Protein backbone atom coordinates (compact mmCIF):
# COMPACT_ATOMS: atom_id res chain seq x y z
CA MET A 1 0.74 -14.95 -5.57
CA LEU A 2 -0.07 -17.96 -2.65
CA SER A 3 2.29 -20.34 -1.87
CA VAL A 4 1.21 -23.29 0.08
CA LEU A 5 4.34 -24.93 1.86
CA ILE A 6 3.91 -28.05 3.89
CA PRO A 7 6.68 -29.33 6.16
CA VAL A 8 6.51 -33.46 5.34
CA TYR A 9 8.08 -35.91 7.90
CA ARG A 10 6.83 -39.94 7.87
CA TYR A 11 3.14 -39.25 6.51
CA ASP A 12 1.77 -39.96 3.64
CA VAL A 13 0.55 -36.55 2.47
CA ARG A 14 -1.25 -37.83 -1.30
CA ASP A 15 -4.86 -37.18 0.18
CA LEU A 16 -3.89 -33.44 1.52
CA VAL A 17 -2.17 -32.79 -1.34
CA ARG A 18 -4.66 -33.75 -3.70
CA GLU A 19 -7.28 -32.00 -1.54
CA LEU A 20 -5.57 -28.59 -1.34
CA HIS A 21 -4.64 -28.43 -5.44
CA ARG A 22 -8.49 -29.11 -6.19
CA GLN A 23 -9.10 -26.20 -3.42
CA CYS A 24 -6.77 -24.14 -5.15
CA LEU A 25 -7.65 -25.06 -9.13
CA ARG A 26 -11.09 -23.90 -7.60
CA LEU A 27 -9.92 -20.52 -6.89
CA GLN A 28 -7.95 -19.39 -10.17
CA PRO A 29 -7.63 -17.67 -12.11
CA GLN A 30 -8.46 -14.94 -8.99
CA ILE A 31 -5.40 -16.42 -7.74
CA THR A 32 -1.84 -18.03 -8.86
CA PHE A 33 -0.52 -21.31 -6.26
CA GLU A 34 2.00 -23.25 -5.53
CA LEU A 35 1.93 -26.13 -3.21
CA ARG A 36 5.58 -26.87 -2.18
CA LEU A 37 6.83 -29.62 -0.15
CA LEU A 38 9.65 -30.63 1.57
CA ASP A 39 10.63 -34.04 2.82
CA ASP A 40 12.80 -33.92 6.15
CA GLY A 41 14.54 -37.01 5.82
CA SER A 42 11.25 -39.80 6.15
CA GLY A 43 13.37 -41.90 4.20
CA GLU A 44 12.73 -44.24 0.80
CA SER A 45 9.52 -45.57 1.84
CA PHE A 46 7.91 -42.38 2.55
CA CYS A 47 9.45 -40.55 -0.60
CA LYS A 48 8.71 -42.94 -3.28
CA ILE A 49 4.62 -42.99 -2.31
CA ASN A 50 5.08 -38.94 -1.40
CA SER A 51 6.76 -38.32 -4.61
CA GLU A 52 3.58 -39.20 -6.85
CA VAL A 53 2.19 -35.42 -5.57
CA SER A 54 4.63 -33.84 -8.29
CA GLU A 55 2.63 -35.10 -10.67
CA LEU A 56 0.32 -32.62 -10.32
CA GLU A 57 0.61 -28.96 -11.79
CA HIS A 58 1.60 -26.33 -9.28
CA VAL A 59 3.56 -29.07 -6.78
CA VAL A 60 6.57 -29.17 -6.18
CA TRP A 61 8.25 -31.46 -3.87
CA GLU A 62 11.70 -32.17 -3.21
CA GLU A 63 13.64 -34.31 -0.73
CA SER A 64 16.13 -33.66 1.96
CA PRO A 65 18.81 -36.71 2.55
CA VAL A 66 18.90 -35.78 6.14
CA ASN A 67 16.78 -34.69 9.20
CA LEU A 68 17.35 -31.06 9.03
CA GLY A 69 14.18 -30.59 11.75
CA ARG A 70 11.40 -28.53 11.56
CA SER A 71 12.53 -24.66 11.46
CA LYS A 72 15.42 -25.29 9.28
CA VAL A 73 12.54 -27.26 6.79
CA ARG A 74 9.91 -23.62 7.01
CA ASN A 75 12.81 -21.45 6.96
CA THR A 76 13.83 -23.55 3.28
CA LEU A 77 10.50 -23.00 2.36
CA SER A 78 9.84 -20.04 2.61
CA GLU A 79 13.15 -19.09 0.77
CA ARG A 80 11.87 -21.29 -2.22
CA ALA A 81 8.61 -19.81 -1.72
CA LYS A 82 7.37 -18.45 -5.86
CA TYR A 83 4.56 -16.21 -4.18
CA ASP A 84 4.49 -13.66 -1.30
CA TRP A 85 1.35 -15.11 0.19
CA LEU A 86 3.15 -17.82 2.48
CA TRP A 87 0.46 -20.62 3.71
CA PHE A 88 1.94 -22.85 6.45
CA LEU A 89 0.00 -26.77 6.33
CA ASP A 90 1.40 -29.27 9.03
CA CYS A 91 1.01 -32.56 7.12
CA ASP A 92 -1.28 -34.97 8.69
CA GLY A 93 -4.16 -33.63 7.20
CA ASP A 94 -6.32 -33.35 9.73
CA ALA A 95 -6.76 -29.12 8.63
CA VAL A 96 -8.23 -30.31 5.37
CA ILE A 97 -12.23 -31.05 6.54
CA ASN A 98 -13.28 -27.88 5.74
CA PRO A 99 -13.75 -28.32 1.83
CA LYS A 100 -13.89 -24.10 1.20
CA LEU A 101 -10.18 -24.31 3.89
CA ALA A 102 -8.44 -22.25 0.86
CA THR A 103 -11.07 -20.32 -0.28
CA THR A 104 -11.34 -19.48 3.75
CA PHE A 105 -7.78 -18.83 4.12
CA TRP A 106 -7.57 -16.72 0.90
CA ASN A 107 -10.52 -14.25 2.03
CA ALA A 108 -9.09 -13.73 5.08
CA ARG A 109 -6.34 -12.38 3.92
CA LYS A 110 -7.80 -9.22 3.66
CA GLU A 111 -9.41 -9.05 6.81
């Protein structure tokens, strides 16, 4: 039902993904979700550390060997999304200050 889509470029997203994953798990069984990330050619060092998140259930980590650009990455993520509700987040993680961010987003979709 919910695809959280995160374009990644030269940023450590592990804390962001773990926190979002925890929040989305708390929303179950109300929702089925995926966290889908696409790295936009950040290079081996970033991909190596960030690929750790693929070990989490419901997380899909993909890497582009070349930089596609912001629009192409977002379009690719939306094309590959499993679910109808799409939630785009920037990879910098500043949005996850609120421990109820996922709940707030999910409830706001009804308005």
